[in-house]
């Protein structure tokens, strides 16, 4: 069975990920492949 995440679950995950990166618990490595994938779904960095 395939589990599809609900929007609320995705938002919760992204909020937790952002908080973890902001506090230095994790690092986001801006690799070209990652940035291209994010751009394809409409997400861009704030630079």
C-alpha atoms as a PDB file:
ATOM      1  CA  UNK A   1       0.000   0.000   0.000  1.00  0.00           C
ATOM      2  CA  UNK A   2       1.302   3.459  -0.890  1.00  0.00           C
ATOM      3  CA  UNK A   3       1.037   6.089   1.832  1.00  0.00           C
ATOM      4  CA  UNK A   4       0.484   9.606   0.604  1.00  0.00           C
ATOM      5  CA  UNK A   5       1.250  12.377   3.044  1.00  0.00           C
ATOM      6  CA  UNK A   6      -1.411  14.944   3.726  1.00  0.00           C
ATOM      7  CA  UNK A   7      -0.597  18.617   3.334  1.00  0.00           C
ATOM      8  CA  UNK A   8      -0.666  19.079   7.115  1.00  0.00           C
ATOM      9  CA  UNK A   9       1.957  16.339   7.537  1.00  0.00           C
ATOM     10  CA  UNK A  10       4.199  17.933   4.920  1.00  0.00           C
ATOM     11  CA  UNK A  11       3.870  21.359   6.521  1.00  0.00           C
ATOM     12  CA  UNK A  12       4.713  19.911   9.940  1.00  0.00           C
ATOM     13  CA  UNK A  13       7.783  18.152   8.533  1.00  0.00           C
ATOM     14  CA  UNK A  14       9.000  21.307   6.778  1.00  0.00           C
ATOM     15  CA  UNK A  15       8.506  23.414   9.910  1.00  0.00           C
ATOM     16  CA  UNK A  16      10.499  20.912  11.993  1.00  0.00           C
ATOM     17  CA  UNK A  17      13.227  20.689   9.347  1.00  0.00           C
ATOM     18  CA  UNK A  18      13.500  24.477   9.167  1.00  0.00           C
ATOM     19  CA  UNK A  19      13.743  24.721  12.951  1.00  0.00           C
ATOM     20  CA  UNK A  20      16.451  22.030  13.050  1.00  0.00           C
ATOM     21  CA  UNK A  21      18.514  23.721  10.339  1.00  0.00           C
ATOM     22  CA  UNK A  22      18.067  27.146  11.968  1.00  0.00           C
ATOM     23  CA  UNK A  23      19.308  25.906  15.344  1.00  0.00           C
ATOM     24  CA  UNK A  24      22.330  24.191  13.803  1.00  0.00           C
ATOM     25  CA  UNK A  25      21.148  20.650  14.479  1.00  0.00           C
ATOM     26  CA  UNK A  26      21.353  19.837  10.763  1.00  0.00           C
ATOM     27  CA  UNK A  27      23.010  21.408   7.762  1.00  0.00           C
ATOM     28  CA  UNK A  28      21.444  21.954   4.367  1.00  0.00           C
ATOM     29  CA  UNK A  29      24.009  21.366   1.655  1.00  0.00           C
ATOM     30  CA  UNK A  30      22.986  23.436  -1.380  1.00  0.00           C
ATOM     31  CA  UNK A  31      23.976  20.939  -4.074  1.00  0.00           C
ATOM     32  CA  UNK A  32      23.037  21.794  -7.638  1.00  0.00           C
ATOM     33  CA  UNK A  33      20.819  18.699  -7.884  1.00  0.00           C
ATOM     34  CA  UNK A  34      18.952  19.688  -4.695  1.00  0.00           C
ATOM     35  CA  UNK A  35      18.449  23.256  -5.866  1.00  0.00           C
ATOM     36  CA  UNK A  36      17.211  22.128  -9.292  1.00  0.00           C
ATOM     37  CA  UNK A  37      14.699  19.748  -7.706  1.00  0.00           C
ATOM     38  CA  UNK A  38      13.422  22.471  -5.381  1.00  0.00           C
ATOM     39  CA  UNK A  39      13.122  24.914  -8.286  1.00  0.00           C
ATOM     40  CA  UNK A  40      11.072  22.376 -10.248  1.00  0.00           C
ATOM     41  CA  UNK A  41       8.438  22.326  -7.523  1.00  0.00           C
ATOM     42  CA  UNK A  42       8.475  26.094  -7.172  1.00  0.00           C
ATOM     43  CA  UNK A  43      10.699  26.530  -4.117  1.00  0.00           C
ATOM     44  CA  UNK A  44      13.601  28.958  -4.278  1.00  0.00           C
ATOM     45  CA  UNK A  45      16.215  30.221  -1.869  1.00  0.00           C
ATOM     46  CA  UNK A  46      16.024  33.756  -0.487  1.00  0.00           C
ATOM     47  CA  UNK A  47      19.377  34.848  -1.932  1.00  0.00           C
END
